[in-house]
Protein backbone atom coordinates (compact mmCIF):
# COMPACT_ATOMS: atom_id res chain seq x y z
CA MET A 1 -35.22 6.44 24.07
CA THR A 2 -31.93 8.36 24.31
CA LEU A 3 -29.98 5.14 23.64
CA LEU A 4 -32.12 4.38 20.59
CA ILE A 5 -31.41 7.83 19.18
CA PHE A 6 -27.68 7.42 19.92
CA PHE A 7 -27.35 4.04 18.22
CA GLY A 8 -29.51 5.20 15.34
CA ALA A 9 -27.24 8.18 14.78
CA LEU A 10 -24.16 5.94 15.05
CA TYR A 11 -25.57 3.58 12.41
CA LEU A 12 -26.32 6.45 10.05
CA TYR A 13 -22.81 7.87 10.56
CA LYS A 14 -21.11 4.56 9.80
CA ASN A 15 -23.38 3.93 6.84
CA TYR A 16 -22.65 7.41 5.49
CA ASN A 17 -18.90 6.91 5.79
CA THR A 18 -19.12 3.52 4.08
CA GLN A 19 -21.11 4.98 1.21
CA LYS A 20 -18.74 7.90 1.01
CA LYS A 21 -15.77 5.54 0.74
CA GLU A 22 -17.50 3.54 -1.99
CA VAL A 23 -18.06 6.59 -4.18
CA GLN A 24 -14.63 8.14 -3.61
CA ASN A 25 -13.21 9.29 -6.92
CA THR A 26 -9.60 8.68 -7.84
CA ASP A 27 -8.26 11.50 -9.96
CA PHE A 28 -4.63 12.56 -9.64
CA THR A 29 -1.60 12.87 -11.90
CA LEU A 30 2.07 12.07 -11.29
CA GLY A 31 5.29 13.00 -13.07
CA ILE A 32 7.69 10.12 -13.79
CA ILE A 33 11.32 10.26 -14.97
CA ALA A 34 13.80 7.39 -15.22
CA ASP A 35 17.58 7.36 -15.58
CA CYS A 36 18.51 11.01 -15.98
CA GLN A 37 22.00 9.60 -15.30
CA TYR A 38 24.09 12.76 -15.61
CA CYS A 39 27.85 12.94 -15.49
CA ASP A 40 30.42 15.07 -17.26
CA CYS A 41 31.38 12.11 -19.44
CA ASP A 42 31.80 11.28 -23.11
CA VAL A 43 29.07 9.44 -25.01
CA LYS A 44 28.97 5.69 -24.33
CA TRP A 45 26.38 3.03 -25.28
CA ASN A 46 24.25 5.74 -26.93
CA ARG A 47 24.05 7.58 -23.60
CA TYR A 48 24.52 11.32 -24.00
CA TYR A 49 25.40 12.15 -20.42
CA ARG A 50 26.12 15.84 -20.97
CA ASN A 51 22.67 16.34 -22.53
CA SER A 52 20.86 15.27 -19.36
CA PRO A 53 20.84 18.65 -17.55
CA GLN A 54 19.07 20.32 -20.47
CA ARG A 55 16.65 17.40 -20.85
CA LEU A 56 15.86 17.52 -17.15
CA LYS A 57 15.29 21.28 -17.38
CA GLU A 58 12.87 20.80 -20.29
CA ALA A 59 11.04 18.02 -18.42
CA VAL A 60 10.68 20.15 -15.28
CA THR A 61 9.31 23.02 -17.39
CA GLU A 62 6.67 20.72 -18.90
CA LEU A 63 5.79 19.00 -15.62
CA ASN A 64 5.33 22.37 -13.93
CA LYS A 65 2.49 23.11 -16.37
CA HIS A 66 0.42 20.39 -14.71
CA ASN A 67 -1.18 20.05 -11.29
CA LEU A 68 0.81 17.04 -10.08
CA GLU A 69 0.39 15.13 -6.84
CA TYR A 70 4.12 14.44 -6.96
CA THR A 71 7.02 13.74 -9.32
CA ILE A 72 9.27 10.71 -8.89
CA HIS A 73 12.63 9.78 -10.39
CA LEU A 74 13.11 6.02 -10.73
CA GLY A 75 16.82 5.78 -9.96
CA ASP A 76 20.21 6.59 -11.53
CA PHE A 77 19.86 10.33 -11.13
CA ILE A 78 23.60 10.43 -11.84
CA ASP A 79 25.92 8.07 -13.67
CA GLN A 80 29.01 8.58 -11.52
CA HIS A 81 30.97 11.13 -9.45
CA PHE A 82 29.41 12.68 -6.35
CA GLU A 83 29.79 16.21 -7.73
CA SER A 84 27.40 15.26 -10.57
CA PHE A 85 24.50 15.71 -8.15
CA ASP A 86 25.28 19.43 -7.83
CA SER A 87 24.81 19.97 -11.57
CA ILE A 88 21.22 18.71 -11.67
CA ILE A 89 19.72 19.00 -8.18
CA PRO A 90 19.07 22.78 -8.56
CA THR A 91 16.98 22.02 -11.66
CA TRP A 92 15.13 19.19 -9.89
CA ASN A 93 14.37 21.54 -7.02
CA GLN A 94 12.50 23.85 -9.41
CA LEU A 95 9.65 21.34 -9.56
CA LYS A 96 6.44 22.84 -8.19
CA SER A 97 5.18 19.45 -7.04
CA THR A 98 6.42 17.35 -4.15
CA SER A 99 9.27 15.18 -5.42
CA TYR A 100 10.71 11.78 -4.53
CA HIS A 101 13.61 9.56 -5.55
CA VAL A 102 14.11 5.83 -5.96
CA LEU A 103 17.69 4.70 -5.39
CA GLY A 104 19.52 3.37 -8.47
CA ASN A 105 22.80 1.49 -8.77
CA HIS A 106 24.62 4.43 -10.40
CA ASP A 107 23.57 6.75 -7.58
CA PHE A 108 26.16 4.87 -5.50
CA ASP A 109 28.91 5.08 -8.12
CA VAL A 110 30.78 7.55 -5.93
CA ALA A 111 33.74 7.31 -3.58
CA ASP A 112 33.13 4.90 -0.69
CA SER A 113 33.58 7.74 1.78
CA LEU A 114 30.67 9.60 0.15
CA LYS A 115 28.13 6.78 -0.28
CA SER A 116 26.38 7.54 3.02
CA LYS A 117 25.90 11.15 1.85
CA VAL A 118 23.86 10.14 -1.21
CA PHE A 119 20.65 9.98 0.85
CA ASP A 120 20.91 13.61 1.97
CA LYS A 121 21.65 14.70 -1.59
CA LEU A 122 18.43 13.04 -2.74
CA ASN A 123 16.48 14.28 0.31
CA LEU A 124 15.80 10.71 1.43
CA LYS A 125 15.15 10.14 5.11
CA LYS A 126 14.72 6.41 4.47
CA ARG A 127 16.04 4.11 1.77
CA TYR A 128 12.59 2.59 1.24
CA TYR A 129 9.22 4.09 2.15
CA SER A 130 5.58 4.39 1.09
CA ILE A 131 3.22 7.15 -0.04
CA ASP A 132 -0.56 7.12 0.52
CA LYS A 133 -2.83 9.00 -1.86
CA ASP A 134 -6.62 8.54 -1.83
CA ASP A 135 -7.30 4.81 -2.21
CA TRP A 136 -3.75 4.07 -3.40
CA LYS A 137 -0.59 3.09 -1.55
CA PHE A 138 2.68 3.48 -3.44
CA ILE A 139 5.53 1.32 -2.12
CA ILE A 140 9.04 2.54 -2.96
CA ILE A 141 11.55 -0.30 -2.92
CA ASP A 142 15.32 0.02 -2.46
CA GLY A 143 16.73 -2.54 -4.89
CA ASN A 144 20.27 -1.59 -3.85
CA ASP A 145 19.69 -2.63 -0.24
CA LEU A 146 21.71 -5.72 -1.14
CA SER A 147 24.30 -4.84 -3.78
CA PHE A 148 28.00 -4.49 -4.42
CA HIS A 149 27.64 -0.72 -4.62
CA GLY A 150 24.92 0.25 -2.12
CA ALA A 151 25.11 -2.21 0.80
CA LEU A 152 26.71 -0.03 3.45
CA THR A 153 26.77 -2.25 6.55
CA LYS A 154 28.68 -5.45 7.19
CA GLU A 155 25.42 -7.33 7.74
CA LYS A 156 24.00 -6.19 4.38
CA GLN A 157 27.29 -6.95 2.63
CA GLN A 158 27.23 -10.51 3.98
CA GLU A 159 23.61 -10.90 2.87
CA THR A 160 24.63 -9.54 -0.54
CA ASP A 161 27.36 -12.16 -0.90
CA SER A 162 24.93 -14.92 0.10
CA ILE A 163 22.15 -14.07 -2.36
CA PHE A 164 24.58 -13.40 -5.21
CA ARG A 165 26.34 -16.75 -4.75
CA LYS A 166 22.95 -18.48 -4.92
CA ILE A 167 21.66 -16.84 -8.09
CA GLU A 168 25.08 -17.18 -9.71
CA SER A 169 25.20 -20.91 -8.91
CA ASP A 170 21.71 -21.21 -10.41
CA SER A 171 23.04 -19.57 -13.61
CA LEU A 172 20.28 -16.95 -13.56
CA PRO A 173 20.67 -14.30 -16.29
CA TYR A 174 20.32 -11.41 -13.82
CA ALA A 175 23.23 -12.60 -11.66
CA LYS A 176 25.12 -9.44 -12.58
CA ILE A 177 27.10 -7.21 -10.25
CA TRP A 178 25.34 -4.08 -11.53
CA ASN A 179 21.95 -5.31 -10.28
CA GLY A 180 20.82 -5.59 -6.66
CA GLY A 181 18.26 -7.05 -4.31
CA ILE A 182 16.14 -6.49 -1.23
CA SER A 183 17.11 -7.70 2.23
CA ASN A 184 15.05 -10.00 4.42
CA GLN A 185 14.30 -6.98 6.62
CA GLN A 186 12.97 -4.96 3.67
CA PHE A 187 11.01 -7.95 2.37
CA GLU A 188 9.21 -8.22 5.72
CA TRP A 189 8.47 -4.48 5.61
CA ILE A 190 7.00 -4.80 2.11
CA GLU A 191 4.70 -7.59 3.28
CA GLN A 192 3.48 -5.47 6.19
CA GLU A 193 2.76 -2.60 3.78
CA LEU A 194 0.75 -4.97 1.58
CA ILE A 195 -1.22 -6.26 4.56
CA ALA A 196 -1.99 -2.70 5.68
CA ALA A 197 -3.11 -1.74 2.17
CA GLU A 198 -5.38 -4.77 1.99
CA GLU A 199 -6.94 -3.96 5.36
CA ASN A 200 -7.51 -0.35 4.26
CA GLU A 201 -8.93 -1.40 0.88
CA GLN A 202 -6.13 0.40 -0.96
CA LYS A 203 -4.81 -0.37 -4.42
CA VAL A 204 -1.03 -0.78 -4.55
CA GLY A 205 1.59 0.55 -6.94
CA PHE A 206 5.28 -0.28 -6.67
CA TYR A 207 8.33 1.78 -7.62
CA CYS A 208 11.76 0.20 -7.95
CA HIS A 209 14.85 0.88 -10.02
CA PHE A 210 15.14 -2.72 -11.21
CA PRO A 211 12.49 -4.59 -13.24
CA LEU A 212 10.85 -7.84 -12.15
CA VAL A 213 9.84 -8.87 -15.67
CA PRO A 214 10.58 -9.67 -18.43
CA ILE A 215 13.38 -11.93 -17.20
CA ALA A 216 16.66 -10.72 -18.68
CA ASN A 217 20.10 -9.63 -17.47
CA ASP A 218 18.85 -6.59 -15.55
CA ASN A 219 16.28 -7.90 -13.04
CA LEU A 220 16.09 -7.45 -9.30
CA TRP A 221 17.99 -10.34 -7.72
CA ASN A 222 14.90 -11.47 -5.76
CA THR A 223 12.52 -11.08 -8.68
CA GLU A 224 10.99 -14.55 -8.28
CA GLU A 225 10.35 -14.11 -4.55
CA LEU A 226 8.83 -10.64 -4.95
CA GLN A 227 6.64 -11.77 -7.85
CA GLU A 228 5.33 -14.60 -5.68
CA LEU A 229 4.53 -12.18 -2.85
CA ILE A 230 2.74 -9.82 -5.26
CA ARG A 231 0.73 -12.73 -6.65
CA GLN A 232 -0.82 -13.24 -3.20
CA TYR A 233 -2.26 -9.70 -3.07
CA LYS A 234 -4.98 -8.94 -5.60
CA ASN A 235 -4.84 -5.22 -4.77
CA VAL A 236 -1.44 -4.81 -6.46
CA LYS A 237 -2.13 -3.10 -9.80
CA VAL A 238 1.12 -1.70 -11.18
CA PHE A 239 4.91 -2.02 -10.85
CA MET A 240 7.02 0.82 -12.28
CA ASN A 241 10.79 0.89 -12.76
CA GLY A 242 13.73 2.10 -14.83
CA HIS A 243 17.22 0.52 -15.28
CA ASN A 244 16.54 -1.03 -18.70
CA HIS A 245 16.84 2.12 -20.80
CA ASP A 246 15.04 0.57 -23.78
CA GLY A 247 11.83 0.24 -21.76
CA ALA A 248 9.41 -2.69 -21.58
CA TYR A 249 5.83 -3.60 -20.73
CA VAL A 250 4.37 -6.86 -19.39
CA LEU A 251 0.87 -7.67 -18.12
CA LYS A 252 1.07 -10.58 -15.68
CA ASN A 253 -1.65 -11.77 -13.30
CA LYS A 254 -3.54 -8.49 -13.90
CA VAL A 255 -0.51 -6.44 -12.78
CA HIS A 256 1.01 -3.92 -15.19
CA TYR A 257 4.82 -4.04 -15.18
CA ILE A 258 6.16 -0.88 -16.82
CA THR A 259 9.84 -0.19 -17.48
CA PHE A 260 10.20 3.49 -18.34
CA LYS A 261 12.80 4.46 -20.92
CA GLY A 262 15.99 6.25 -19.90
CA MET A 263 16.16 10.02 -20.27
CA VAL A 264 19.91 9.90 -20.95
CA ASP A 265 19.71 7.81 -24.13
CA THR A 266 20.00 8.92 -27.77
CA LYS A 267 21.44 12.12 -29.18
CA ASP A 268 18.29 14.09 -29.93
CA SER A 269 15.36 12.79 -27.86
CA THR A 270 14.24 12.74 -24.25
CA SER A 271 11.96 10.48 -22.22
CA PHE A 272 9.59 11.22 -19.32
CA SER A 273 5.91 10.79 -18.54
CA LEU A 274 2.72 11.92 -16.91
CA ALA A 275 0.62 9.21 -15.24
CA LYS A 276 -3.04 10.02 -14.56
CA PHE A 277 -4.78 7.70 -12.09
CA THR A 278 -8.58 7.36 -12.31
CA ASN A 279 -11.04 4.91 -10.77
CA ASP A 280 -10.58 2.31 -13.49
CA SER A 281 -7.44 3.19 -15.42
CA ILE A 282 -3.90 4.54 -15.47
CA LEU A 283 -3.25 6.86 -18.40
CA ILE A 284 0.42 7.22 -19.32
CA LYS A 285 1.24 10.22 -21.49
CA GLY A 286 4.74 9.74 -22.81
CA PHE A 287 7.06 12.52 -23.96
CA GLY A 288 9.93 11.97 -26.38
CA ARG A 289 10.64 8.26 -26.77
CA GLU A 290 8.26 7.17 -23.99
CA LYS A 291 5.12 5.43 -25.24
CA SER A 292 1.64 6.58 -24.20
CA ARG A 293 -0.60 3.84 -22.78
CA LYS A 294 -4.07 3.33 -21.35
CA LEU A 295 -3.94 0.63 -18.67
CA ALA A 296 -7.04 -0.85 -17.09
CA VAL A 297 -7.11 -1.14 -13.30
CA PHE A 298 -8.44 -4.69 -12.97
CA ASN A 299 -10.68 -5.80 -10.11
């Protein structure tokens, strides 16, 4: 009789937890900024570098009005010069929410002797990592793992040379020295994160500095390989990046690929966003030049 009561209670407990998981509501909001890209430099390519500190200050003021799960910057926090970090980090640190960074190519446009110090400046314990929130896993990719600016070990530099020679010989449009790629080691880590998310019934969102699509001159070097991996996991819902300051949007295989516009661009306007995640949609509220969107989370 005691055993019957025990197993009955165990069944009810498991059934309750299952039902609880099924009715879990997703409702959180994130702050997103791309390409603040500050330096004490003259205007070039319609990039108003000296305007970025004020634009970042205004964005932080607005973001602090909202109850955010976290705020993330999608790479190129600076344009060049290590001392540029000191002009904008105090403003960034005024965010009330938790904050994260994605590594961009310009974040490594500093003296070689200072490249290894970039991570501490951006409060990064790891170059790539993941964040779990409710039934979502966000995977933050380091697209400069293999690159001519951010590969900091001999092994990664050799892997950089190898992948670049291949895409250059294939005449791919994104075979540019200002782009970058992910190492075999990081690729394996990404796959393990996707497997874990699938086992835990989590939806997946990606952050990277470089876009995967549309194919142009600014893509991640391994865009084809990463797209193929993503295609195998139906729980991947969104891929968010910067790098192309004009912005872009592509829906491919039920995955939303969003390129957020650069904050640094144009004389008189800014660009940043709020992203509200619900059970069945992602609501992007754009500020300045960024477009607002309602994106369905497909099953």
